[in-house]
Protein backbone atom coordinates (compact mmCIF):
# COMPACT_ATOMS: atom_id res chain seq x y z
CA MET A 1 -0.14 0.22 -0.04
CA SER A 2 1.43 3.55 -0.76
CA ARG A 3 2.18 6.28 1.60
CA TYR A 4 -0.33 8.07 3.51
CA THR A 5 -1.15 11.62 2.90
CA LEU A 6 -3.38 14.17 4.52
CA ASP A 7 -5.74 13.57 1.66
CA ASP A 8 -6.61 10.15 3.21
CA SER A 9 -7.94 11.76 6.10
CA ALA A 10 -11.74 10.24 6.78
CA GLY A 11 -12.86 13.46 7.72
CA GLU A 12 -13.72 15.13 11.08
CA ASP A 13 -16.47 12.27 12.48
CA ALA A 14 -13.36 10.07 11.91
CA ALA A 15 -11.22 11.81 14.71
CA PHE A 16 -11.50 11.21 18.31
CA VAL A 17 -9.61 12.33 21.44
CA ILE A 18 -7.78 10.05 24.04
CA THR A 19 -7.01 11.78 27.76
CA ILE A 20 -4.99 9.73 30.03
CA ASN A 21 -5.80 11.22 33.54
CA TYR A 22 -2.78 10.53 35.93
CA ASP A 23 -1.23 11.76 39.32
CA PRO A 24 1.77 13.90 37.87
CA LEU A 25 3.34 13.35 41.27
CA ALA A 26 3.22 9.87 40.94
CA GLU A 27 6.77 8.12 40.56
CA SER A 28 7.87 7.38 36.96
CA PRO A 29 6.18 9.70 34.68
CA ALA A 30 7.51 8.16 31.57
CA ARG A 31 5.20 4.98 31.97
CA ILE A 32 2.36 7.43 31.21
CA PHE A 33 3.92 8.09 27.62
CA MET A 34 4.60 4.29 27.53
CA VAL A 35 0.77 3.69 28.22
CA ALA A 36 -0.11 6.03 25.33
CA GLY A 37 2.11 4.48 23.02
CA GLU A 38 0.62 0.97 23.63
CA LEU A 39 -2.72 2.12 23.74
CA LEU A 40 -2.36 3.73 20.32
CA GLN A 41 -1.04 0.36 19.00
CA ILE A 42 -3.93 -2.00 20.24
CA LEU A 43 -6.64 0.71 19.15
CA GLN A 44 -4.62 0.80 15.67
CA LYS A 45 -5.20 -3.27 15.68
CA VAL A 46 -8.73 -3.03 16.61
CA ASP A 47 -9.09 -0.45 13.31
CA THR A 48 -7.54 -3.20 11.53
CA LEU A 49 -10.29 -5.53 12.74
CA LEU A 50 -13.07 -3.13 11.94
CA THR A 51 -12.05 -1.96 8.55
CA ALA A 52 -11.68 -5.80 7.50
CA SER A 53 -15.27 -6.50 8.11
CA VAL A 54 -15.86 -3.96 5.18
CA ASP A 55 -13.09 -4.76 3.06
CA GLU A 56 -9.97 -6.48 3.75
CA GLN A 57 -7.96 -4.07 1.37
CA ILE A 58 -8.40 -1.02 3.20
CA GLY A 59 -5.68 0.21 5.84
CA SER A 60 -5.79 2.61 8.46
CA ARG A 61 -3.37 4.69 10.15
CA PHE A 62 -3.55 6.97 13.09
CA VAL A 63 -2.14 10.70 12.94
CA ILE A 64 -1.82 12.68 16.22
CA GLU A 65 -3.10 16.33 15.67
CA ARG A 66 -2.42 17.73 18.91
CA ILE A 67 -1.22 17.33 22.17
CA GLU A 68 -2.56 19.05 25.34
CA SER A 69 -1.08 19.63 28.90
CA GLY A 70 -2.31 18.85 32.00
CA SER A 71 -3.60 15.03 31.75
CA LEU A 72 -1.83 13.78 28.40
CA ARG A 73 -4.77 14.63 26.05
CA MET A 74 -4.25 13.48 22.31
CA ARG A 75 -6.39 14.26 19.12
CA ILE A 76 -6.14 11.72 16.96
CA ALA A 77 -7.11 11.70 13.15
CA THR A 78 -7.70 8.63 11.08
CA LEU A 79 -6.23 8.40 7.48
CA LEU A 80 -7.82 5.34 5.20
CA LYS A 81 -6.51 3.93 1.94
CA ALA A 82 -7.86 1.34 -0.06
CA VAL A 83 -5.59 -0.76 -2.65
CA ASP A 84 -8.75 -0.99 -5.01
CA ASP A 85 -11.55 1.15 -4.77
CA ASP A 86 -13.49 -0.89 -7.25
CA ALA A 87 -15.33 -2.85 -4.73
CA LEU A 88 -16.62 0.53 -3.07
CA LYS A 89 -19.63 2.70 -4.37
CA SER A 90 -17.91 6.36 -4.53
CA MET A 91 -14.82 8.46 -3.57
CA ASP A 92 -16.93 9.51 -0.22
CA TRP A 93 -16.48 5.96 1.30
CA LYS A 94 -13.57 7.16 3.49
CA LYS A 95 -16.21 9.53 5.83
CA ALA A 96 -18.74 6.58 6.16
CA VAL A 97 -15.92 3.86 6.89
CA GLY A 98 -13.85 6.67 9.29
CA LYS A 99 -17.32 7.36 11.18
CA TYR A 100 -18.14 3.73 11.42
CA VAL A 101 -14.67 2.86 12.88
CA VAL A 102 -14.83 5.58 15.53
CA LYS A 103 -18.37 4.75 16.41
CA ALA A 104 -17.44 0.99 16.74
CA LYS A 105 -14.46 1.54 19.01
CA TYR A 106 -16.75 3.86 21.14
CA PHE A 107 -19.19 1.03 21.34
CA LEU A 108 -16.39 -1.66 22.46
CA LEU A 109 -15.08 0.60 24.93
CA LYS A 110 -18.21 1.83 26.65
CA LYS A 111 -19.41 -1.83 26.74
CA LEU A 112 -16.13 -2.14 28.93
CA GLU A 113 -16.79 0.91 31.14
CA ASN A 114 -20.28 -0.74 32.00
CA CYS A 115 -18.82 -4.31 32.59
CA GLU A 116 -21.34 -5.59 30.14
CA ILE A 117 -19.26 -8.21 29.00
CA LYS A 118 -19.58 -11.30 31.33
CA SER A 119 -20.28 -14.12 29.06
CA LYS A 120 -19.43 -15.82 25.30
CA ALA A 121 -23.13 -14.38 24.18
CA ASP A 122 -21.96 -10.83 25.17
CA LEU A 123 -19.05 -11.09 22.53
CA ASP A 124 -21.14 -12.80 20.14
CA GLY A 125 -23.67 -9.81 20.58
CA LEU A 126 -20.98 -7.43 20.36
CA ALA A 127 -19.76 -8.70 17.07
CA HIS A 128 -23.07 -8.68 15.78
CA ASP A 129 -23.80 -5.23 16.66
CA ILE A 130 -20.39 -4.25 15.17
CA ARG A 131 -21.15 -5.91 11.71
CA ILE A 132 -24.66 -3.69 11.69
CA LEU A 133 -22.72 -0.73 12.27
CA ALA A 134 -20.31 -1.82 9.17
CA GLU A 135 -23.70 -2.43 7.04
CA GLN A 136 -24.58 0.73 8.01
CA THR A 137 -21.70 2.47 6.20
CA ASN A 138 -23.48 1.45 2.71
CA VAL A 139 -20.09 1.70 0.96
CA LEU A 140 -19.75 -1.99 -0.82
CA ARG A 141 -21.28 -2.57 -4.00
CA MET A 142 -21.74 -5.89 -3.11
CA PRO A 143 -23.12 -5.86 0.36
CA ALA A 144 -20.99 -8.58 1.90
CA TYR A 145 -20.03 -7.16 5.22
CA ARG A 146 -18.00 -9.91 7.53
CA MET A 147 -18.50 -10.84 11.00
CA VAL A 148 -15.67 -9.54 13.27
CA GLN A 149 -14.82 -13.04 15.17
CA PRO A 150 -15.65 -12.93 18.78
CA LEU A 151 -11.95 -14.34 19.68
CA ASP A 152 -10.42 -11.26 17.66
CA LEU A 153 -12.68 -9.15 19.77
CA ALA A 154 -11.53 -11.01 22.79
CA GLY A 155 -7.93 -10.70 21.93
CA SER A 156 -8.59 -6.80 21.31
CA ILE A 157 -10.05 -6.48 24.64
CA VAL A 158 -6.92 -8.31 26.24
CA GLY A 159 -4.69 -6.14 24.64
CA LEU A 160 -6.43 -3.12 25.98
CA GLY A 161 -6.26 -4.21 29.54
CA LYS A 162 -2.60 -4.83 29.15
CA SER A 163 -1.70 -1.41 27.50
CA LEU A 164 -3.29 -0.05 30.97
CA GLU A 165 -0.93 -2.03 33.19
CA GLY A 166 1.22 1.05 33.67
CA LEU A 167 -1.72 3.13 35.12
CA LYS A 168 -2.12 3.13 39.09
CA THR A 169 -4.96 2.88 41.06
CA GLY A 170 -7.41 5.75 40.43
CA GLU A 171 -5.95 6.69 37.03
CA SER A 172 -7.90 6.35 34.02
CA ILE A 173 -8.02 6.95 30.08
CA GLU A 174 -11.09 8.53 28.62
CA PHE A 175 -12.24 8.53 24.84
CA TYR A 176 -14.01 11.21 23.56
CA SER A 177 -16.11 11.29 20.10
CA GLY A 178 -18.89 12.68 18.27
CA ASP A 179 -20.77 9.39 20.15
CA GLY A 180 -20.15 10.17 23.16
CA SER A 181 -17.34 9.24 25.86
CA ALA A 182 -16.01 6.13 27.81
CA ARG A 183 -13.95 6.09 31.13
CA ILE A 184 -11.86 3.20 31.67
CA GLU A 185 -9.69 2.19 34.56
CA LYS A 186 -7.10 -0.61 34.66
CA ASP A 187 -9.03 -2.51 37.58
CA ASN A 188 -12.11 -2.38 35.15
CA MET A 189 -10.57 -4.34 32.17
CA LEU A 190 -10.97 -8.18 31.91
CA SER A 191 -7.68 -10.38 32.15
CA GLN A 192 -6.50 -12.77 29.57
CA ASP A 193 -7.60 -15.85 31.39
CA TYR A 194 -11.19 -14.81 32.21
CA VAL A 195 -11.83 -13.88 28.61
CA GLU A 196 -10.57 -17.48 27.67
CA GLU A 197 -12.69 -18.88 30.06
CA LEU A 198 -15.54 -16.90 28.53
CA LEU A 199 -14.55 -18.34 25.03
CA THR A 200 -13.64 -21.91 26.44
CA GLU A 201 -16.07 -25.04 25.14
CA LYS A 202 -13.82 -27.88 26.13
CA THR A 203 -10.48 -28.31 27.71
CA ILE A 204 -8.36 -31.09 27.39
CA VAL A 205 -5.17 -31.98 29.76
CA ASN A 206 -2.17 -34.34 28.91
CA THR A 207 0.39 -35.35 31.04
CA VAL A 208 3.59 -36.22 28.76
CA ASP A 209 7.33 -36.56 28.66
CA ARG A 210 9.20 -34.35 26.08
CA ILE A 211 12.74 -33.42 25.42
CA LEU A 212 12.82 -29.66 25.01
CA THR A 213 15.79 -27.60 23.43
CA VAL A 214 16.44 -24.53 25.95
CA LYS A 215 16.14 -21.27 23.75
CA LYS A 216 15.78 -18.68 26.85
CA PRO A 217 15.75 -19.71 30.47
CA ASP A 218 13.99 -17.49 33.13
CA PHE A 219 16.62 -16.68 35.68
CA LEU A 220 14.33 -14.56 37.73
CA GLY A 221 11.19 -16.53 38.09
CA ASP A 222 8.86 -14.14 36.72
CA SER A 223 8.06 -15.39 33.31
CA ARG A 224 8.05 -18.60 30.94
CA TRP A 225 10.92 -20.36 29.89
CA VAL A 226 11.28 -20.52 25.99
CA PHE A 227 12.16 -23.92 24.45
CA LYS A 228 12.27 -25.15 20.96
CA PHE A 229 9.86 -28.29 20.28
CA SER A 230 9.70 -29.76 16.73
CA GLY A 231 10.96 -26.82 14.94
CA THR A 232 8.47 -24.54 16.88
CA LEU A 233 8.57 -22.09 20.10
CA TYR A 234 7.12 -23.88 22.90
CA GLU A 235 7.19 -21.76 26.10
CA ALA A 236 6.45 -23.32 29.89
CA ASN A 237 6.46 -22.26 33.28
CA VAL A 238 8.69 -24.62 35.61
CA ASP A 239 7.07 -25.62 38.54
CA ASP A 240 9.75 -28.06 39.72
CA VAL A 241 10.97 -25.95 42.68
CA GLU A 242 13.81 -28.32 43.81
CA TRP A 243 15.56 -28.51 40.39
CA LEU A 244 14.81 -24.35 39.98
CA SER A 245 16.31 -23.82 43.06
CA ARG A 246 19.61 -25.75 41.99
CA PHE A 247 19.84 -24.14 38.96
CA ARG A 248 19.50 -20.29 40.33
CA SER A 249 21.92 -21.15 42.49
CA GLY A 250 24.36 -21.83 39.97
CA SER A 251 24.55 -25.77 41.03
CA ILE A 252 23.06 -26.67 37.37
CA ASP A 253 24.87 -25.46 34.24
CA ILE A 254 22.35 -25.16 31.13
CA ARG A 255 24.45 -24.26 27.88
CA PRO A 256 23.13 -22.97 24.42
CA GLN A 257 21.63 -25.79 22.66
CA ASP A 258 21.09 -28.06 25.80
CA SER A 259 17.69 -29.68 26.20
CA LEU A 260 15.65 -30.82 29.24
CA HIS A 261 13.98 -34.20 29.23
CA VAL A 262 11.09 -32.91 31.58
CA THR A 263 7.26 -34.25 32.48
CA VAL A 264 4.99 -31.43 31.31
CA LYS A 265 1.08 -30.87 31.65
CA GLU A 266 -0.08 -29.47 28.69
CA SER A 267 -3.45 -27.75 28.90
CA PHE A 268 -5.46 -26.72 25.65
CA ARG A 269 -8.58 -24.78 25.72
CA TYR A 270 -10.87 -24.91 22.86
CA GLY A 271 -13.60 -22.70 21.78
CA SER A 272 -16.61 -23.01 19.16
CA GLY A 273 -15.88 -25.22 16.14
CA GLY A 274 -12.88 -26.57 17.64
CA VAL A 275 -10.82 -23.45 17.41
CA LEU A 276 -7.70 -23.51 19.48
CA ILE A 277 -8.08 -20.57 22.17
CA SER A 278 -4.64 -21.32 24.30
CA GLN A 279 -2.20 -23.61 25.25
CA LYS A 280 -0.16 -23.67 28.69
CA ASN A 281 2.56 -25.65 29.31
CA THR A 282 3.63 -26.60 32.87
CA ILE A 283 6.70 -28.36 33.58
CA LEU A 284 5.99 -30.72 36.65
CA TYR A 285 9.29 -32.31 36.84
CA VAL A 286 13.00 -32.09 35.18
CA ARG A 287 14.08 -35.37 34.60
CA ASP A 288 17.89 -34.95 32.99
CA ILE A 289 19.65 -32.51 31.20
CA VAL A 290 20.32 -33.72 27.21
CA ARG A 291 23.92 -31.98 26.19
CA ALA A 292 24.14 -30.91 22.61
CA LYS A 293 27.02 -32.02 20.88
CA ARG A 294 29.81 -29.89 20.11
CA GLU A 295 32.90 -29.89 18.12
CA MET A 296 35.95 -30.15 19.55
CA THR A 297 38.52 -27.43 18.62
CA LEU A 298 42.42 -27.81 18.72
CA GLY A 299 43.43 -24.50 19.24
CA LEU A 300 45.83 -24.52 16.39
CA PRO A 301 46.82 -20.75 15.16
CA TYR A 302 45.18 -19.97 11.64
CA HIS A 303 47.43 -19.32 8.86
């Protein structure tokens, strides 16, 4: 897709304002700018979902028109461009689609503000309502508007929550548009585990032995280990406390390309139609270390 220009603006109805209300005396003021950046990134991904429900060839981009002092307040314009305009009725489609994506974002955020997403049916209903908003643009020559998948909406909701993790208690973000305003605090957001529970129809748990090649160990205990298994990345928590204690004390030496023979519990969550929602791996026991083969070097000088 070619470079965006101001001619790609979707108009005043596609503009919105984001305000981050924060305590200016709180520590780490730089965190507010990190929150702003992560929030805009996830809202941009939401726009990608929304425009795809009209036409997958429509791309969108945000432009910060103005930043105001006090609380961090940003006015955002929406730029839209289509690879091929043939599927669209007229050159006025940008205003209609721009108004739709802002209205749908407001609709989503208002649902979160009011804590209205409590079941899979609520997610399905939200996806249905967004499709109706897309149909109301009336921009397609052939009215084949796509449904935003509930699983994708769930991913956006989780992403919004993660973008606000830098906020402290009592701090919030506010979204303003011509459709209204929505105010959200970090504590009001839905966790990834909660959203996955809403979508899960079947859970399958297996306990198996695996040999996993170590790619990135966790030295601090705050994150998962990253391995390679069967040519793909494989993340897992290690619950073998005794083995971890020896590893972190330096009693166990793990070198690049070494592998672990482990007993691991693999939990798979499946949603509607057998779609895999998530996989969680927990290493129960570390049985052995499988050392990588290393070439011997003679230390002879190069000539």
